[in-house]
Amino acid sequence: PLIGAGLFVDNEIGGACATGLGEAVIRSAGSAMVVETMRNGAEPEKAC
């Protein structure tokens, strides 16, 4: 339920979601970081 961890969407770039052990995802702000990595030019799989 945490925006930026389990889910993040930016209409300029893309979206990402997470699955697995939530504590590890929270500690990394995972989905937001995937989107930001795509913003910096990475392909979706590479960003993940």
All heavy atoms as atom14 arrays in JSON, in Angstrom:
{
  "sequence": "PLIGAGLFVDNEIGGACATGLGEAVIRSAGSAMVVETMRNGAEPEKAC",
  "atom14_mask": [
    [1, 1, 1, 1, 1, 1, 1, 0, 0, 0, 0, 0, 0, 0],
    [1, 1, 1, 1, 1, 1, 1, 1, 0, 0, 0, 0, 0, 0],
    [1, 1, 1, 1, 1, 1, 1, 1, 0, 0, 0, 0, 0, 0],
    [1, 1, 1, 1, 0, 0, 0, 0, 0, 0, 0, 0, 0, 0],
    [1, 1, 1, 1, 1, 0, 0, 0, 0, 0, 0, 0, 0, 0],
    [1, 1, 1, 1, 0, 0, 0, 0, 0, 0, 0, 0, 0, 0],
    [1, 1, 1, 1, 1, 1, 1, 1, 0, 0, 0, 0, 0, 0],
    [1, 1, 1, 1, 1, 1, 1, 1, 1, 1, 1, 0, 0, 0],
    [1, 1, 1, 1, 1, 1, 1, 0, 0, 0, 0, 0, 0, 0],
    [1, 1, 1, 1, 1, 1, 1, 1, 0, 0, 0, 0, 0, 0],
    [1, 1, 1, 1, 1, 1, 1, 1, 0, 0, 0, 0, 0, 0],
    [1, 1, 1, 1, 1, 1, 1, 1, 1, 0, 0, 0, 0, 0],
    [1, 1, 1, 1, 1, 1, 1, 1, 0, 0, 0, 0, 0, 0],
    [1, 1, 1, 1, 0, 0, 0, 0, 0, 0, 0, 0, 0, 0],
    [1, 1, 1, 1, 0, 0, 0, 0, 0, 0, 0, 0, 0, 0],
    [1, 1, 1, 1, 1, 0, 0, 0, 0, 0, 0, 0, 0, 0],
    [1, 1, 1, 1, 1, 1, 0, 0, 0, 0, 0, 0, 0, 0],
    [1, 1, 1, 1, 1, 0, 0, 0, 0, 0, 0, 0, 0, 0],
    [1, 1, 1, 1, 1, 1, 1, 0, 0, 0, 0, 0, 0, 0],
    [1, 1, 1, 1, 0, 0, 0, 0, 0, 0, 0, 0, 0, 0],
    [1, 1, 1, 1, 1, 1, 1, 1, 0, 0, 0, 0, 0, 0],
    [1, 1, 1, 1, 0, 0, 0, 0, 0, 0, 0, 0, 0, 0],
    [1, 1, 1, 1, 1, 1, 1, 1, 1, 0, 0, 0, 0, 0],
    [1, 1, 1, 1, 1, 0, 0, 0, 0, 0, 0, 0, 0, 0],
    [1, 1, 1, 1, 1, 1, 1, 0, 0, 0, 0, 0, 0, 0],
    [1, 1, 1, 1, 1, 1, 1, 1, 0, 0, 0, 0, 0, 0],
    [1, 1, 1, 1, 1, 1, 1, 1, 1, 1, 1, 0, 0, 0],
    [1, 1, 1, 1, 1, 1, 0, 0, 0, 0, 0, 0, 0, 0],
    [1, 1, 1, 1, 1, 0, 0, 0, 0, 0, 0, 0, 0, 0],
    [1, 1, 1, 1, 0, 0, 0, 0, 0, 0, 0, 0, 0, 0],
    [1, 1, 1, 1, 1, 1, 0, 0, 0, 0, 0, 0, 0, 0],
    [1, 1, 1, 1, 1, 0, 0, 0, 0, 0, 0, 0, 0, 0],
    [1, 1, 1, 1, 1, 1, 1, 1, 0, 0, 0, 0, 0, 0],
    [1, 1, 1, 1, 1, 1, 1, 0, 0, 0, 0, 0, 0, 0],
    [1, 1, 1, 1, 1, 1, 1, 0, 0, 0, 0, 0, 0, 0],
    [1, 1, 1, 1, 1, 1, 1, 1, 1, 0, 0, 0, 0, 0],
    [1, 1, 1, 1, 1, 1, 1, 0, 0, 0, 0, 0, 0, 0],
    [1, 1, 1, 1, 1, 1, 1, 1, 0, 0, 0, 0, 0, 0],
    [1, 1, 1, 1, 1, 1, 1, 1, 1, 1, 1, 0, 0, 0],
    [1, 1, 1, 1, 1, 1, 1, 1, 0, 0, 0, 0, 0, 0],
    [1, 1, 1, 1, 0, 0, 0, 0, 0, 0, 0, 0, 0, 0],
    [1, 1, 1, 1, 1, 0, 0, 0, 0, 0, 0, 0, 0, 0],
    [1, 1, 1, 1, 1, 1, 1, 1, 1, 0, 0, 0, 0, 0],
    [1, 1, 1, 1, 1, 1, 1, 0, 0, 0, 0, 0, 0, 0],
    [1, 1, 1, 1, 1, 1, 1, 1, 1, 0, 0, 0, 0, 0],
    [1, 1, 1, 1, 1, 1, 1, 1, 1, 0, 0, 0, 0, 0],
    [1, 1, 1, 1, 1, 0, 0, 0, 0, 0, 0, 0, 0, 0],
    [1, 1, 1, 1, 1, 1, 0, 0, 0, 0, 0, 0, 0, 0]
  ],
  "atom14_positions": [
    [[0.81, -1.23, 0.0], [0.0, 0.0, 0.0], [0.84, 1.28, 0.0], [0.28, 2.37, 0.08], [-0.78, -0.12, 1.3], [0.18, -0.78, 2.23], [0.96, -1.75, 1.37], [0.0, 0.0, 0.0], [0.0, 0.0, 0.0], [0.0, 0.0, 0.0], [0.0, 0.0, 0.0], [0.0, 0.0, 0.0], [0.0, 0.0, 0.0], [0.0, 0.0, 0.0]],
    [[2.15, 1.14, -0.09], [3.03, 2.3, 0.04], [3.44, 2.8, -1.34], [4.2, 2.15, -2.06], [4.26, 1.95, 0.87], [4.0, 1.43, 2.29], [5.3, 1.19, 3.01], [3.11, 2.4, 3.07], [0.0, 0.0, 0.0], [0.0, 0.0, 0.0], [0.0, 0.0, 0.0], [0.0, 0.0, 0.0], [0.0, 0.0, 0.0], [0.0, 0.0, 0.0]],
    [[2.96, 4.0, -1.69], [3.34, 4.61, -2.95], [4.85, 4.87, -2.93], [5.38, 5.45, -2.0], [2.57, 5.91, -3.18], [1.07, 5.63, -3.25], [3.05, 6.62, -4.44], [0.64, 4.76, -4.42], [0.0, 0.0, 0.0], [0.0, 0.0, 0.0], [0.0, 0.0, 0.0], [0.0, 0.0, 0.0], [0.0, 0.0, 0.0], [0.0, 0.0, 0.0]],
    [[5.52, 4.41, -3.98], [6.97, 4.55, -4.06], [7.69, 3.27, -3.7], [8.83, 3.06, -4.1], [0.0, 0.0, 0.0], [0.0, 0.0, 0.0], [0.0, 0.0, 0.0], [0.0, 0.0, 0.0], [0.0, 0.0, 0.0], [0.0, 0.0, 0.0], [0.0, 0.0, 0.0], [0.0, 0.0, 0.0], [0.0, 0.0, 0.0], [0.0, 0.0, 0.0]],
    [[7.02, 2.4, -2.95], [7.61, 1.11, -2.59], [6.96, 0.01, -3.44], [7.55, -0.5, -4.38], [7.44, 0.84, -1.11], [0.0, 0.0, 0.0], [0.0, 0.0, 0.0], [0.0, 0.0, 0.0], [0.0, 0.0, 0.0], [0.0, 0.0, 0.0], [0.0, 0.0, 0.0], [0.0, 0.0, 0.0], [0.0, 0.0, 0.0], [0.0, 0.0, 0.0]],
    [[5.7, -0.33, -3.12], [5.02, -1.38, -3.87], [4.54, -0.95, -5.24], [4.32, -1.79, -6.12], [0.0, 0.0, 0.0], [0.0, 0.0, 0.0], [0.0, 0.0, 0.0], [0.0, 0.0, 0.0], [0.0, 0.0, 0.0], [0.0, 0.0, 0.0], [0.0, 0.0, 0.0], [0.0, 0.0, 0.0], [0.0, 0.0, 0.0], [0.0, 0.0, 0.0]],
    [[4.36, 0.36, -5.45], [3.81, 0.87, -6.71], [4.25, 2.31, -6.9], [4.3, 3.09, -5.95], [2.28, 0.81, -6.68], [1.53, 1.41, -7.87], [1.68, 0.52, -9.11], [0.05, 1.59, -7.54], [0.0, 0.0, 0.0], [0.0, 0.0, 0.0], [0.0, 0.0, 0.0], [0.0, 0.0, 0.0], [0.0, 0.0, 0.0], [0.0, 0.0, 0.0]],
    [[4.56, 2.66, -8.15], [4.8, 4.05, -8.49], [4.56, 4.25, -9.97], [4.96, 3.41, -10.79], [6.23, 4.49, -8.15], [6.41, 5.98, -8.21], [5.88, 6.8, -7.23], [7.11, 6.57, -9.26], [6.03, 8.18, -7.29], [7.27, 7.94, -9.32], [6.73, 8.76, -8.33], [0.0, 0.0, 0.0], [0.0, 0.0, 0.0], [0.0, 0.0, 0.0]],
    [[3.87, 5.33, -10.33], [3.54, 5.63, -11.71], [3.82, 7.1, -11.99], [3.4, 7.97, -11.22], [2.06, 5.32, -12.02], [1.74, 5.64, -13.48], [1.73, 3.87, -11.73], [0.0, 0.0, 0.0], [0.0, 0.0, 0.0], [0.0, 0.0, 0.0], [0.0, 0.0, 0.0], [0.0, 0.0, 0.0], [0.0, 0.0, 0.0], [0.0, 0.0, 0.0]],
    [[4.53, 7.37, -13.08], [4.82, 8.72, -13.53], [4.47, 8.78, -15.01], [5.1, 8.09, -15.82], [6.29, 9.05, -13.3], [6.66, 10.48, -13.66], [6.03, 11.05, -14.58], [7.58, 11.04, -13.05], [0.0, 0.0, 0.0], [0.0, 0.0, 0.0], [0.0, 0.0, 0.0], [0.0, 0.0, 0.0], [0.0, 0.0, 0.0], [0.0, 0.0, 0.0]],
    [[3.49, 9.57, -15.37], [3.0, 9.57, -16.75], [4.05, 10.01, -17.77], [3.93, 9.72, -18.95], [1.77, 10.49, -16.86], [0.66, 9.86, -17.68], [0.45, 8.64, -17.64], [-0.07, 10.68, -18.43], [0.0, 0.0, 0.0], [0.0, 0.0, 0.0], [0.0, 0.0, 0.0], [0.0, 0.0, 0.0], [0.0, 0.0, 0.0], [0.0, 0.0, 0.0]],
    [[5.08, 10.71, -17.31], [6.14, 11.13, -18.23], [7.07, 9.99, -18.59], [7.66, 9.98, -19.66], [6.97, 12.26, -17.6], [6.23, 13.57, -17.43], [7.12, 14.65, -16.87], [8.29, 14.34, -16.52], [6.66, 15.79, -16.78], [0.0, 0.0, 0.0], [0.0, 0.0, 0.0], [0.0, 0.0, 0.0], [0.0, 0.0, 0.0], [0.0, 0.0, 0.0]],
    [[7.18, 9.02, -17.69], [8.21, 7.98, -17.84], [7.61, 6.59, -17.92], [7.79, 5.86, -18.9], [9.21, 8.02, -16.66], [9.82, 9.41, -16.53], [10.29, 6.96, -16.84], [10.58, 9.89, -17.76], [0.0, 0.0, 0.0], [0.0, 0.0, 0.0], [0.0, 0.0, 0.0], [0.0, 0.0, 0.0], [0.0, 0.0, 0.0], [0.0, 0.0, 0.0]],
    [[6.91, 6.17, -16.88], [6.38, 4.81, -16.82], [5.96, 4.47, -15.42], [5.86, 5.33, -14.54], [0.0, 0.0, 0.0], [0.0, 0.0, 0.0], [0.0, 0.0, 0.0], [0.0, 0.0, 0.0], [0.0, 0.0, 0.0], [0.0, 0.0, 0.0], [0.0, 0.0, 0.0], [0.0, 0.0, 0.0], [0.0, 0.0, 0.0], [0.0, 0.0, 0.0]],
    [[5.72, 3.2, -15.2], [5.3, 2.72, -13.89], [6.03, 1.46, -13.5], [6.62, 0.77, -14.35], [0.0, 0.0, 0.0], [0.0, 0.0, 0.0], [0.0, 0.0, 0.0], [0.0, 0.0, 0.0], [0.0, 0.0, 0.0], [0.0, 0.0, 0.0], [0.0, 0.0, 0.0], [0.0, 0.0, 0.0], [0.0, 0.0, 0.0], [0.0, 0.0, 0.0]],
    [[6.01, 1.15, -12.21], [6.64, -0.07, -11.7], [5.86, -0.55, -10.5], [5.24, 0.23, -9.78], [8.09, 0.18, -11.33], [0.0, 0.0, 0.0], [0.0, 0.0, 0.0], [0.0, 0.0, 0.0], [0.0, 0.0, 0.0], [0.0, 0.0, 0.0], [0.0, 0.0, 0.0], [0.0, 0.0, 0.0], [0.0, 0.0, 0.0], [0.0, 0.0, 0.0]],
    [[5.9, -1.85, -10.27], [5.32, -2.44, -9.07], [6.23, -3.56, -8.6], [7.11, -4.03, -9.33], [3.9, -2.96, -9.32], [3.74, -4.17, -10.64], [0.0, 0.0, 0.0], [0.0, 0.0, 0.0], [0.0, 0.0, 0.0], [0.0, 0.0, 0.0], [0.0, 0.0, 0.0], [0.0, 0.0, 0.0], [0.0, 0.0, 0.0], [0.0, 0.0, 0.0]],
    [[6.02, -3.96, -7.36], [6.93, -4.92, -6.72], [6.15, -6.1, -6.17], [4.96, -6.03, -5.9], [7.69, -4.24, -5.58], [0.0, 0.0, 0.0], [0.0, 0.0, 0.0], [0.0, 0.0, 0.0], [0.0, 0.0, 0.0], [0.0, 0.0, 0.0], [0.0, 0.0, 0.0], [0.0, 0.0, 0.0], [0.0, 0.0, 0.0], [0.0, 0.0, 0.0]],
    [[6.86, -7.2, -5.98], [6.32, -8.36, -5.31], [7.46, -9.01, -4.53], [8.63, -8.8, -4.82], [5.68, -9.34, -6.3], [5.0, -10.37, -5.58], [6.73, -9.98, -7.2], [0.0, 0.0, 0.0], [0.0, 0.0, 0.0], [0.0, 0.0, 0.0], [0.0, 0.0, 0.0], [0.0, 0.0, 0.0], [0.0, 0.0, 0.0], [0.0, 0.0, 0.0]],
    [[7.1, -9.79, -3.53], [8.13, -10.42, -2.71], [8.06, -9.93, -1.28], [7.0, -9.48, -0.81], [0.0, 0.0, 0.0], [0.0, 0.0, 0.0], [0.0, 0.0, 0.0], [0.0, 0.0, 0.0], [0.0, 0.0, 0.0], [0.0, 0.0, 0.0], [0.0, 0.0, 0.0], [0.0, 0.0, 0.0], [0.0, 0.0, 0.0], [0.0, 0.0, 0.0]],
    [[9.16, -9.98, -0.57], [9.19, -9.6, 0.83], [9.16, -8.08, 0.96], [10.1, -7.38, 0.57], [10.42, -10.16, 1.53], [10.46, -9.99, 3.04], [9.3, -10.76, 3.7], [11.78, -10.48, 3.61], [0.0, 0.0, 0.0], [0.0, 0.0, 0.0], [0.0, 0.0, 0.0], [0.0, 0.0, 0.0], [0.0, 0.0, 0.0], [0.0, 0.0, 0.0]],
    [[8.07, -7.56, 1.52], [7.83, -6.12, 1.52], [8.87, -5.3, 2.24], [9.18, -4.18, 1.83], [0.0, 0.0, 0.0], [0.0, 0.0, 0.0], [0.0, 0.0, 0.0], [0.0, 0.0, 0.0], [0.0, 0.0, 0.0], [0.0, 0.0, 0.0], [0.0, 0.0, 0.0], [0.0, 0.0, 0.0], [0.0, 0.0, 0.0], [0.0, 0.0, 0.0]],
    [[9.42, -5.84, 3.32], [10.39, -5.06, 4.08], [11.6, -4.67, 3.22], [12.11, -3.55, 3.31], [10.84, -5.85, 5.31], [9.84, -5.88, 6.44], [8.66, -6.81, 6.22], [8.66, -7.57, 5.21], [7.73, -6.8, 7.03], [0.0, 0.0, 0.0], [0.0, 0.0, 0.0], [0.0, 0.0, 0.0], [0.0, 0.0, 0.0], [0.0, 0.0, 0.0]],
    [[12.06, -5.58, 2.38], [13.2, -5.29, 1.51], [12.83, -4.25, 0.46], [13.66, -3.4, 0.09], [13.7, -6.57, 0.84], [0.0, 0.0, 0.0], [0.0, 0.0, 0.0], [0.0, 0.0, 0.0], [0.0, 0.0, 0.0], [0.0, 0.0, 0.0], [0.0, 0.0, 0.0], [0.0, 0.0, 0.0], [0.0, 0.0, 0.0], [0.0, 0.0, 0.0]],
    [[11.6, -4.31, -0.04], [11.15, -3.32, -1.02], [11.03, -1.95, -0.39], [11.43, -0.93, -0.98], [9.81, -3.76, -1.64], [9.31, -2.71, -2.63], [9.95, -5.11, -2.34], [0.0, 0.0, 0.0], [0.0, 0.0, 0.0], [0.0, 0.0, 0.0], [0.0, 0.0, 0.0], [0.0, 0.0, 0.0], [0.0, 0.0, 0.0], [0.0, 0.0, 0.0]],
    [[10.5, -1.88, 0.82], [10.36, -0.6, 1.52], [11.73, 0.04, 1.73], [11.92, 1.24, 1.51], [9.64, -0.8, 2.87], [8.18, -1.21, 2.65], [9.7, 0.47, 3.71], [7.48, -1.68, 3.91], [0.0, 0.0, 0.0], [0.0, 0.0, 0.0], [0.0, 0.0, 0.0], [0.0, 0.0, 0.0], [0.0, 0.0, 0.0], [0.0, 0.0, 0.0]],
    [[12.69, -0.77, 2.16], [14.01, -0.22, 2.47], [14.71, 0.34, 1.23], [15.64, 1.15, 1.37], [14.88, -1.31, 3.11], [14.51, -1.62, 4.56], [15.54, -2.51, 5.23], [15.45, -3.89, 4.8], [14.76, -4.84, 5.45], [14.07, -4.53, 6.53], [14.76, -6.09, 5.01], [0.0, 0.0, 0.0], [0.0, 0.0, 0.0], [0.0, 0.0, 0.0]],
    [[14.27, -0.07, 0.06], [14.9, 0.41, -1.17], [14.06, 1.43, -1.92], [14.48, 1.92, -2.97], [15.19, -0.77, -2.1], [13.98, -1.37, -2.54], [0.0, 0.0, 0.0], [0.0, 0.0, 0.0], [0.0, 0.0, 0.0], [0.0, 0.0, 0.0], [0.0, 0.0, 0.0], [0.0, 0.0, 0.0], [0.0, 0.0, 0.0], [0.0, 0.0, 0.0]],
    [[12.85, 1.75, -1.41], [11.9, 2.58, -2.17], [11.82, 2.05, -3.59], [11.9, 2.78, -4.57], [12.32, 4.05, -2.15], [0.0, 0.0, 0.0], [0.0, 0.0, 0.0], [0.0, 0.0, 0.0], [0.0, 0.0, 0.0], [0.0, 0.0, 0.0], [0.0, 0.0, 0.0], [0.0, 0.0, 0.0], [0.0, 0.0, 0.0], [0.0, 0.0, 0.0]],
    [[11.6, 0.74, -3.69], [11.88, -0.01, -4.91], [11.21, 0.46, -6.17], [11.87, 0.72, -7.19], [0.0, 0.0, 0.0], [0.0, 0.0, 0.0], [0.0, 0.0, 0.0], [0.0, 0.0, 0.0], [0.0, 0.0, 0.0], [0.0, 0.0, 0.0], [0.0, 0.0, 0.0], [0.0, 0.0, 0.0], [0.0, 0.0, 0.0], [0.0, 0.0, 0.0]],
    [[9.87, 0.59, -6.17], [9.18, 0.93, -7.42], [9.53, 2.33, -7.9], [9.69, 2.56, -9.1], [7.67, 0.77, -7.23], [7.34, -0.59, -7.07], [0.0, 0.0, 0.0], [0.0, 0.0, 0.0], [0.0, 0.0, 0.0], [0.0, 0.0, 0.0], [0.0, 0.0, 0.0], [0.0, 0.0, 0.0], [0.0, 0.0, 0.0], [0.0, 0.0, 0.0]],
    [[9.63, 3.28, -6.99], [10.01, 4.63, -7.38], [11.4, 4.64, -7.99], [11.67, 5.35, -8.97], [9.94, 5.57, -6.19], [0.0, 0.0, 0.0], [0.0, 0.0, 0.0], [0.0, 0.0, 0.0], [0.0, 0.0, 0.0], [0.0, 0.0, 0.0], [0.0, 0.0, 0.0], [0.0, 0.0, 0.0], [0.0, 0.0, 0.0], [0.0, 0.0, 0.0]],
    [[12.3, 3.83, -7.44], [13.66, 3.79, -7.95], [13.72, 3.15, -9.34], [14.52, 3.56, -10.19], [14.56, 3.04, -6.98], [14.81, 3.78, -5.67], [15.65, 5.38, -5.89], [14.23, 6.52, -5.8], [0.0, 0.0, 0.0], [0.0, 0.0, 0.0], [0.0, 0.0, 0.0], [0.0, 0.0, 0.0], [0.0, 0.0, 0.0], [0.0, 0.0, 0.0]],
    [[12.87, 2.16, -9.58], [12.81, 1.57, -10.91], [12.38, 2.63, -11.93], [12.97, 2.75, -13.01], [11.84, 0.37, -10.94], [11.59, -0.09, -12.38], [12.4, -0.79, -10.12], [0.0, 0.0, 0.0], [0.0, 0.0, 0.0], [0.0, 0.0, 0.0], [0.0, 0.0, 0.0], [0.0, 0.0, 0.0], [0.0, 0.0, 0.0], [0.0, 0.0, 0.0]],
    [[11.36, 3.4, -11.59], [10.89, 4.44, -12.51], [11.97, 5.49, -12.73], [12.21, 5.94, -13.87], [9.59, 5.09, -11.98], [9.2, 6.29, -12.83], [8.46, 4.07, -11.96], [0.0, 0.0, 0.0], [0.0, 0.0, 0.0], [0.0, 0.0, 0.0], [0.0, 0.0, 0.0], [0.0, 0.0, 0.0], [0.0, 0.0, 0.0], [0.0, 0.0, 0.0]],
    [[12.65, 5.89, -11.67], [13.71, 6.89, -11.83], [14.87, 6.35, -12.66], [15.5, 7.09, -13.41], [14.2, 7.34, -10.46], [13.2, 8.2, -9.71], [12.7, 9.37, -10.54], [13.52, 10.24, -10.9], [11.49, 9.4, -10.87], [0.0, 0.0, 0.0], [0.0, 0.0, 0.0], [0.0, 0.0, 0.0], [0.0, 0.0, 0.0], [0.0, 0.0, 0.0]],
    [[15.13, 5.06, -12.53], [16.19, 4.45, -13.34], [15.79, 4.44, -14.81], [16.63, 4.67, -15.7], [16.49, 3.03, -12.84], [16.82, 3.09, -11.45], [17.67, 2.41, -13.57], [0.0, 0.0, 0.0], [0.0, 0.0, 0.0], [0.0, 0.0, 0.0], [0.0, 0.0, 0.0], [0.0, 0.0, 0.0], [0.0, 0.0, 0.0], [0.0, 0.0, 0.0]],
    [[14.51, 4.21, -15.11], [14.04, 4.34, -16.48], [14.15, 5.79, -16.95], [14.48, 6.05, -18.12], [12.6, 3.84, -16.61], [12.43, 2.34, -16.5], [10.8, 1.75, -17.05], [9.72, 2.41, -15.78], [0.0, 0.0, 0.0], [0.0, 0.0, 0.0], [0.0, 0.0, 0.0], [0.0, 0.0, 0.0], [0.0, 0.0, 0.0], [0.0, 0.0, 0.0]],
    [[13.88, 6.73, -16.06], [14.0, 8.15, -16.41], [15.42, 8.47, -16.87], [15.64, 9.31, -17.75], [13.63, 9.03, -15.23], [13.53, 10.52, -15.58], [13.37, 11.37, -14.33], [12.22, 10.98, -13.52], [10.99, 11.42, -13.74], [10.73, 12.23, -14.75], [10.01, 11.01, -12.96], [0.0, 0.0, 0.0], [0.0, 0.0, 0.0], [0.0, 0.0, 0.0]],
    [[16.37, 7.79, -16.27], [17.78, 8.02, -16.61], [18.24, 7.24, -17.82], [19.43, 7.23, -18.15], [18.66, 7.7, -15.4], [18.49, 8.69, -14.28], [18.19, 9.86, -14.52], [18.68, 8.25, -13.04], [0.0, 0.0, 0.0], [0.0, 0.0, 0.0], [0.0, 0.0, 0.0], [0.0, 0.0, 0.0], [0.0, 0.0, 0.0], [0.0, 0.0, 0.0]],
    [[17.29, 6.55, -18.49], [17.61, 5.93, -19.77], [17.62, 4.42, -19.81], [17.79, 3.84, -20.88], [0.0, 0.0, 0.0], [0.0, 0.0, 0.0], [0.0, 0.0, 0.0], [0.0, 0.0, 0.0], [0.0, 0.0, 0.0], [0.0, 0.0, 0.0], [0.0, 0.0, 0.0], [0.0, 0.0, 0.0], [0.0, 0.0, 0.0], [0.0, 0.0, 0.0]],
    [[17.43, 3.77, -18.67], [17.48, 2.31, -18.67], [16.21, 1.71, -19.26], [15.13, 2.24, -19.08], [17.68, 1.79, -17.24], [0.0, 0.0, 0.0], [0.0, 0.0, 0.0], [0.0, 0.0, 0.0], [0.0, 0.0, 0.0], [0.0, 0.0, 0.0], [0.0, 0.0, 0.0], [0.0, 0.0, 0.0], [0.0, 0.0, 0.0], [0.0, 0.0, 0.0]],
    [[16.37, 0.59, -19.98], [15.22, -0.17, -20.44], [14.5, -0.76, -19.23], [15.09, -0.93, -18.16], [15.69, -1.31, -21.36], [16.31, -0.84, -22.66], [15.27, -0.27, -23.61], [14.14, -0.81, -23.67], [15.57, 0.72, -24.3], [0.0, 0.0, 0.0], [0.0, 0.0, 0.0], [0.0, 0.0, 0.0], [0.0, 0.0, 0.0], [0.0, 0.0, 0.0]],
    [[13.2, -1.08, -19.37], [12.45, -1.57, -18.2], [13.08, -2.75, -17.48], [13.21, -2.73, -16.25], [11.09, -1.95, -18.81], [10.93, -0.98, -19.93], [12.31, -0.82, -20.52], [0.0, 0.0, 0.0], [0.0, 0.0, 0.0], [0.0, 0.0, 0.0], [0.0, 0.0, 0.0], [0.0, 0.0, 0.0], [0.0, 0.0, 0.0], [0.0, 0.0, 0.0]],
    [[13.49, -3.79, -18.21], [14.08, -4.94, -17.52], [15.38, -4.55, -16.83], [15.64, -4.97, -15.7], [14.34, -6.09, -18.49], [14.91, -7.31, -17.78], [15.23, -8.46, -18.73], [14.29, -8.96, -19.38], [16.41, -8.84, -18.8], [0.0, 0.0, 0.0], [0.0, 0.0, 0.0], [0.0, 0.0, 0.0], [0.0, 0.0, 0.0], [0.0, 0.0, 0.0]],
    [[16.2, -3.73, -17.48], [17.46, -3.32, -16.89], [17.23, -2.48, -15.65], [17.95, -2.61, -14.64], [18.29, -2.54, -17.9], [19.68, -2.18, -17.39], [20.51, -3.43, -17.1], [21.92, -3.09, -16.65], [22.71, -4.31, -16.34], [0.0, 0.0, 0.0], [0.0, 0.0, 0.0], [0.0, 0.0, 0.0], [0.0, 0.0, 0.0], [0.0, 0.0, 0.0]],
    [[16.22, -1.62, -15.68], [15.91, -0.8, -14.51], [15.52, -1.68, -13.33], [15.96, -1.46, -12.19], [14.78, 0.17, -14.84], [0.0, 0.0, 0.0], [0.0, 0.0, 0.0], [0.0, 0.0, 0.0], [0.0, 0.0, 0.0], [0.0, 0.0, 0.0], [0.0, 0.0, 0.0], [0.0, 0.0, 0.0], [0.0, 0.0, 0.0], [0.0, 0.0, 0.0]],
    [[14.69, -2.7, -13.59], [14.32, -3.65, -12.53], [15.55, -4.37, -12.0], [15.7, -4.55, -10.78], [13.31, -4.66, -13.07], [11.7, -3.97, -13.53], [0.0, 0.0, 0.0], [0.0, 0.0, 0.0], [0.0, 0.0, 0.0], [0.0, 0.0, 0.0], [0.0, 0.0, 0.0], [0.0, 0.0, 0.0], [0.0, 0.0, 0.0], [0.0, 0.0, 0.0]]
  ]
}
